[in-house]
Amino acid sequence: MTGFLRQEIDGGAEKVISFQVGKQEYCIDILKVREIRGWLGATPIPFAPNFVSGVINLRGIVLPVINMRQLLGNSVDQDGGRDVVMVVEISEKIFGFLVNSVSDIIDVKKSMIQGIPNFSSDREKGFVSGLISINDRMVGVLSLEMVAATILESVA
């Protein structure tokens, strides 16, 4: 859970943004999201890992688009007509995350984050650092550090 929520100020909550990847909902720190834009397609890159949809040009910056369904093991490719790209900054690197939809902005306190069950796969445990129960929904806390490490390791 390290790195997810910044120090709580006066017992207050931090804001996260939740999004759908297949049938699962995840969230990340809202301050890591630079913008959200509609999915118009990407330029494919030969021999890129299967989770890289290609690259897009965002106002002069070329950035990779990561298909989060592929990366997180949910290879069921839905319609795609409503997909969006979340432009995310991780450790001074910018990525586009291709997701099904953006759901909510949620106030989260550290005390709301629960551990991952032991029956989760090692891969899922690496990407998801905790779970939050909100209105009868379970939202996975995505570890951006692990996502970035996996992406950079795959293209090195």
C-alpha atoms as a PDB file:
ATOM      1  CA  MET A   1       0.000   0.000   0.000  1.00  0.00           C
ATOM      2  CA  THR A   2       3.007   2.265   0.059  1.00  0.00           C
ATOM      3  CA  GLY A   3       3.013   5.098  -2.373  1.00  0.00           C
ATOM      4  CA  PHE A   4      -0.720   5.021  -2.913  1.00  0.00           C
ATOM      5  CA  LEU A   5      -2.052   7.570  -0.480  1.00  0.00           C
ATOM      6  CA  ARG A   6      -0.076  10.591   0.522  1.00  0.00           C
ATOM      7  CA  GLN A   7       0.050  11.604   4.171  1.00  0.00           C
ATOM      8  CA  GLU A   8      -3.488  12.303   5.338  1.00  0.00           C
ATOM      9  CA  ILE A   9      -3.873  15.914   6.433  1.00  0.00           C
ATOM     10  CA  ASP A  10      -5.914  16.468   9.619  1.00  0.00           C
ATOM     11  CA  GLY A  11      -7.487  13.006   9.298  1.00  0.00           C
ATOM     12  CA  GLY A  12      -8.959  13.876   5.906  1.00  0.00           C
ATOM     13  CA  ALA A  13      -9.389  11.594   2.937  1.00  0.00           C
ATOM     14  CA  GLU A  14      -7.447  11.500  -0.311  1.00  0.00           C
ATOM     15  CA  LYS A  15      -9.161  11.501  -3.697  1.00  0.00           C
ATOM     16  CA  VAL A  16      -8.815   8.559  -6.051  1.00  0.00           C
ATOM     17  CA  ILE A  17     -10.286   7.994  -9.482  1.00  0.00           C
ATOM     18  CA  SER A  18     -11.898   4.644 -10.200  1.00  0.00           C
ATOM     19  CA  PHE A  19     -12.166   2.975 -13.587  1.00  0.00           C
ATOM     20  CA  GLN A  20     -13.418  -0.225 -15.184  1.00  0.00           C
ATOM     21  CA  VAL A  21     -11.151  -2.827 -16.759  1.00  0.00           C
ATOM     22  CA  GLY A  22     -13.368  -5.620 -17.990  1.00  0.00           C
ATOM     23  CA  LYS A  23     -15.678  -6.469 -15.100  1.00  0.00           C
ATOM     24  CA  GLN A  24     -13.252  -5.321 -12.402  1.00  0.00           C
ATOM     25  CA  GLU A  25     -12.998  -1.834 -10.929  1.00  0.00           C
ATOM     26  CA  TYR A  26      -9.651  -0.305  -9.941  1.00  0.00           C
ATOM     27  CA  CYS A  27      -8.525   3.050  -8.586  1.00  0.00           C
ATOM     28  CA  ILE A  28      -5.424   5.243  -8.548  1.00  0.00           C
ATOM     29  CA  ASP A  29      -4.433   8.521  -6.913  1.00  0.00           C
ATOM     30  CA  ILE A  30      -6.219  11.256  -8.850  1.00  0.00           C
ATOM     31  CA  LEU A  31      -3.113  13.473  -8.773  1.00  0.00           C
ATOM     32  CA  LYS A  32      -1.343  10.956 -11.050  1.00  0.00           C
ATOM     33  CA  VAL A  33      -3.941  11.487 -13.804  1.00  0.00           C
ATOM     34  CA  ARG A  34      -3.108  14.311 -16.218  1.00  0.00           C
ATOM     35  CA  GLU A  35      -6.180  13.949 -18.422  1.00  0.00           C
ATOM     36  CA  ILE A  36      -8.819  11.582 -19.746  1.00  0.00           C
ATOM     37  CA  ARG A  37      -9.564  11.409 -23.457  1.00  0.00           C
ATOM     38  CA  GLY A  38     -11.632   9.351 -25.836  1.00  0.00           C
ATOM     39  CA  TRP A  39     -10.024   6.371 -27.541  1.00  0.00           C
ATOM     40  CA  LEU A  40      -9.341   7.068 -31.206  1.00  0.00           C
ATOM     41  CA  GLY A  41      -6.819   4.323 -31.838  1.00  0.00           C
ATOM     42  CA  ALA A  42      -3.037   4.151 -31.684  1.00  0.00           C
ATOM     43  CA  THR A  43      -0.175   3.626 -34.085  1.00  0.00           C
ATOM     44  CA  PRO A  44       1.002   0.020 -33.616  1.00  0.00           C
ATOM     45  CA  ILE A  45       4.640  -0.622 -32.728  1.00  0.00           C
ATOM     46  CA  PRO A  46       6.228  -3.765 -34.225  1.00  0.00           C
ATOM     47  CA  PHE A  47       7.361  -6.381 -31.688  1.00  0.00           C
ATOM     48  CA  ALA A  48       5.872  -4.457 -28.748  1.00  0.00           C
ATOM     49  CA  PRO A  49       4.610  -6.498 -25.785  1.00  0.00           C
ATOM     50  CA  ASN A  50       1.013  -7.702 -26.196  1.00  0.00           C
ATOM     51  CA  PHE A  51      -0.258  -5.183 -23.628  1.00  0.00           C
ATOM     52  CA  VAL A  52       1.039  -2.185 -25.637  1.00  0.00           C
ATOM     53  CA  SER A  53      -1.704  -1.037 -28.028  1.00  0.00           C
ATOM     54  CA  GLY A  54       0.686   1.370 -29.734  1.00  0.00           C
ATOM     55  CA  VAL A  55       1.576   5.033 -29.353  1.00  0.00           C
ATOM     56  CA  ILE A  56      -0.363   8.276 -29.598  1.00  0.00           C
ATOM     57  CA  ASN A  57       0.776  11.857 -30.105  1.00  0.00           C
ATOM     58  CA  LEU A  58      -0.515  14.043 -27.303  1.00  0.00           C
ATOM     59  CA  ARG A  59       0.248  17.663 -28.175  1.00  0.00           C
ATOM     60  CA  GLY A  60       3.730  16.819 -29.413  1.00  0.00           C
ATOM     61  CA  ILE A  61       4.504  14.131 -26.838  1.00  0.00           C
ATOM     62  CA  VAL A  62       4.542  10.539 -28.099  1.00  0.00           C
ATOM     63  CA  LEU A  63       3.398   8.181 -25.379  1.00  0.00           C
ATOM     64  CA  PRO A  64       2.722   4.452 -25.197  1.00  0.00           C
ATOM     65  CA  VAL A  65      -0.846   3.262 -24.709  1.00  0.00           C
ATOM     66  CA  ILE A  66      -1.096   0.333 -22.314  1.00  0.00           C
ATOM     67  CA  ASN A  67      -4.102  -1.948 -22.780  1.00  0.00           C
ATOM     68  CA  MET A  68      -4.999  -2.514 -19.142  1.00  0.00           C
ATOM     69  CA  ARG A  69      -7.216  -5.510 -20.005  1.00  0.00           C
ATOM     70  CA  GLN A  70      -4.164  -7.298 -21.405  1.00  0.00           C
ATOM     71  CA  LEU A  71      -1.798  -6.169 -18.655  1.00  0.00           C
ATOM     72  CA  LEU A  72      -4.128  -7.183 -15.837  1.00  0.00           C
ATOM     73  CA  GLY A  73      -4.989 -10.537 -17.392  1.00  0.00           C
ATOM     74  CA  ASN A  74      -8.541  -9.694 -18.437  1.00  0.00           C
ATOM     75  CA  SER A  75      -8.097 -10.388 -22.129  1.00  0.00           C
ATOM     76  CA  VAL A  76     -11.825 -10.284 -22.834  1.00  0.00           C
ATOM     77  CA  ASP A  77     -11.895  -7.450 -25.342  1.00  0.00           C
ATOM     78  CA  GLN A  78     -15.249  -5.782 -25.048  1.00  0.00           C
ATOM     79  CA  ASP A  79     -16.899  -3.616 -27.694  1.00  0.00           C
ATOM     80  CA  GLY A  80     -14.250  -0.905 -27.418  1.00  0.00           C
ATOM     81  CA  GLY A  81     -16.606   1.802 -28.631  1.00  0.00           C
ATOM     82  CA  ARG A  82     -16.600   3.558 -25.274  1.00  0.00           C
ATOM     83  CA  ASP A  83     -13.012   2.970 -24.195  1.00  0.00           C
ATOM     84  CA  VAL A  84     -11.051   5.902 -22.836  1.00  0.00           C
ATOM     85  CA  VAL A  85      -7.384   6.689 -22.337  1.00  0.00           C
ATOM     86  CA  MET A  86      -6.267   7.918 -18.941  1.00  0.00           C
ATOM     87  CA  VAL A  87      -3.015   9.847 -19.333  1.00  0.00           C
ATOM     88  CA  VAL A  88      -1.036   8.986 -16.199  1.00  0.00           C
ATOM     89  CA  GLU A  89       2.326  10.209 -14.903  1.00  0.00           C
ATOM     90  CA  ILE A  90       4.407   7.680 -12.977  1.00  0.00           C
ATOM     91  CA  SER A  91       7.934   8.535 -11.816  1.00  0.00           C
ATOM     92  CA  GLU A  92       8.265  11.328 -14.390  1.00  0.00           C
ATOM     93  CA  LYS A  93       7.179   9.014 -17.229  1.00  0.00           C
ATOM     94  CA  ILE A  94       3.878   9.437 -19.050  1.00  0.00           C
ATOM     95  CA  PHE A  95       1.681   6.540 -20.160  1.00  0.00           C
ATOM     96  CA  GLY A  96      -1.781   6.199 -21.602  1.00  0.00           C
ATOM     97  CA  PHE A  97      -3.921   3.566 -19.880  1.00  0.00           C
ATOM     98  CA  LEU A  98      -6.626   2.149 -22.148  1.00  0.00           C
ATOM     99  CA  VAL A  99      -9.606   1.313 -19.902  1.00  0.00           C
ATOM    100  CA  ASN A 100     -13.284   0.547 -20.484  1.00  0.00           C
ATOM    101  CA  SER A 101     -14.571   3.598 -18.623  1.00  0.00           C
ATOM    102  CA  VAL A 102     -13.862   6.004 -15.796  1.00  0.00           C
ATOM    103  CA  SER A 103     -16.317   5.488 -12.952  1.00  0.00           C
ATOM    104  CA  ASP A 104     -15.986   7.837  -9.996  1.00  0.00           C
ATOM    105  CA  ILE A 105     -13.909  10.154  -7.891  1.00  0.00           C
ATOM    106  CA  ILE A 106     -13.837   8.694  -4.393  1.00  0.00           C
ATOM    107  CA  ASP A 107     -12.643  10.014  -1.031  1.00  0.00           C
ATOM    108  CA  VAL A 108     -10.528   7.310   0.611  1.00  0.00           C
ATOM    109  CA  LYS A 109      -8.924   7.109   4.042  1.00  0.00           C
ATOM    110  CA  LYS A 110      -6.027   4.737   4.627  1.00  0.00           C
ATOM    111  CA  SER A 111      -8.163   2.873   7.160  1.00  0.00           C
ATOM    112  CA  MET A 112     -10.570   1.893   4.342  1.00  0.00           C
ATOM    113  CA  ILE A 113      -7.921  -0.133   2.478  1.00  0.00           C
ATOM    114  CA  GLN A 114      -8.042  -3.881   3.129  1.00  0.00           C
ATOM    115  CA  GLY A 115      -5.461  -6.524   2.288  1.00  0.00           C
ATOM    116  CA  ILE A 116      -5.521  -8.871  -0.703  1.00  0.00           C
ATOM    117  CA  PRO A 117      -6.918 -12.393  -0.037  1.00  0.00           C
ATOM    118  CA  ASN A 118      -4.375 -15.219  -0.060  1.00  0.00           C
ATOM    119  CA  PHE A 119      -6.066 -16.966  -2.988  1.00  0.00           C
ATOM    120  CA  SER A 120      -5.273 -14.109  -5.388  1.00  0.00           C
ATOM    121  CA  SER A 121      -2.628 -14.873  -7.996  1.00  0.00           C
ATOM    122  CA  ASP A 122       0.913 -13.567  -7.484  1.00  0.00           C
ATOM    123  CA  ARG A 123       0.512 -11.382 -10.562  1.00  0.00           C
ATOM    124  CA  GLU A 124      -2.685  -9.826  -9.216  1.00  0.00           C
ATOM    125  CA  LYS A 125      -1.112  -9.343  -5.799  1.00  0.00           C
ATOM    126  CA  GLY A 126       1.716  -7.432  -7.473  1.00  0.00           C
ATOM    127  CA  PHE A 127      -0.515  -5.028  -9.364  1.00  0.00           C
ATOM    128  CA  VAL A 128      -3.170  -4.617  -6.678  1.00  0.00           C
ATOM    129  CA  SER A 129      -1.917  -3.368  -3.325  1.00  0.00           C
ATOM    130  CA  GLY A 130      -5.266  -3.422  -1.522  1.00  0.00           C
ATOM    131  CA  LEU A 131      -9.040  -3.463  -1.804  1.00  0.00           C
ATOM    132  CA  ILE A 132     -11.619  -0.836  -0.897  1.00  0.00           C
ATOM    133  CA  SER A 133     -15.257  -1.719  -0.239  1.00  0.00           C
ATOM    134  CA  ILE A 134     -17.524   1.081  -1.468  1.00  0.00           C
ATOM    135  CA  ASN A 135     -21.310   0.743  -1.691  1.00  0.00           C
ATOM    136  CA  ASP A 136     -21.203  -3.061  -2.080  1.00  0.00           C
ATOM    137  CA  ARG A 137     -18.411  -2.805  -4.705  1.00  0.00           C
ATOM    138  CA  MET A 138     -14.861  -4.022  -4.313  1.00  0.00           C
ATOM    139  CA  VAL A 139     -12.365  -1.625  -5.894  1.00  0.00           C
ATOM    140  CA  GLY A 140      -8.760  -2.733  -6.374  1.00  0.00           C
ATOM    141  CA  VAL A 141      -6.048  -0.246  -5.428  1.00  0.00           C
ATOM    142  CA  LEU A 142      -3.691  -0.341  -8.409  1.00  0.00           C
ATOM    143  CA  SER A 143       0.034  -0.102  -7.648  1.00  0.00           C
ATOM    144  CA  LEU A 144       1.326   2.345 -10.253  1.00  0.00           C
ATOM    145  CA  GLU A 145       4.911   1.592  -9.262  1.00  0.00           C
ATOM    146  CA  MET A 146       4.428  -2.100 -10.108  1.00  0.00           C
ATOM    147  CA  VAL A 147       2.636  -1.266 -13.362  1.00  0.00           C
ATOM    148  CA  ALA A 148       5.486   1.054 -14.410  1.00  0.00           C
ATOM    149  CA  ALA A 149       8.133  -1.512 -13.432  1.00  0.00           C
ATOM    150  CA  THR A 150       6.394  -4.212 -15.503  1.00  0.00           C
ATOM    151  CA  ILE A 151       6.074  -1.927 -18.520  1.00  0.00           C
ATOM    152  CA  LEU A 152       9.678  -0.739 -18.380  1.00  0.00           C
ATOM    153  CA  GLU A 153      10.996  -4.277 -17.790  1.00  0.00           C
ATOM    154  CA  SER A 154       9.103  -5.550 -20.840  1.00  0.00           C
ATOM    155  CA  VAL A 155      10.496  -2.934 -23.203  1.00  0.00           C
ATOM    156  CA  ALA A 156      14.090  -2.992 -21.923  1.00  0.00           C
END
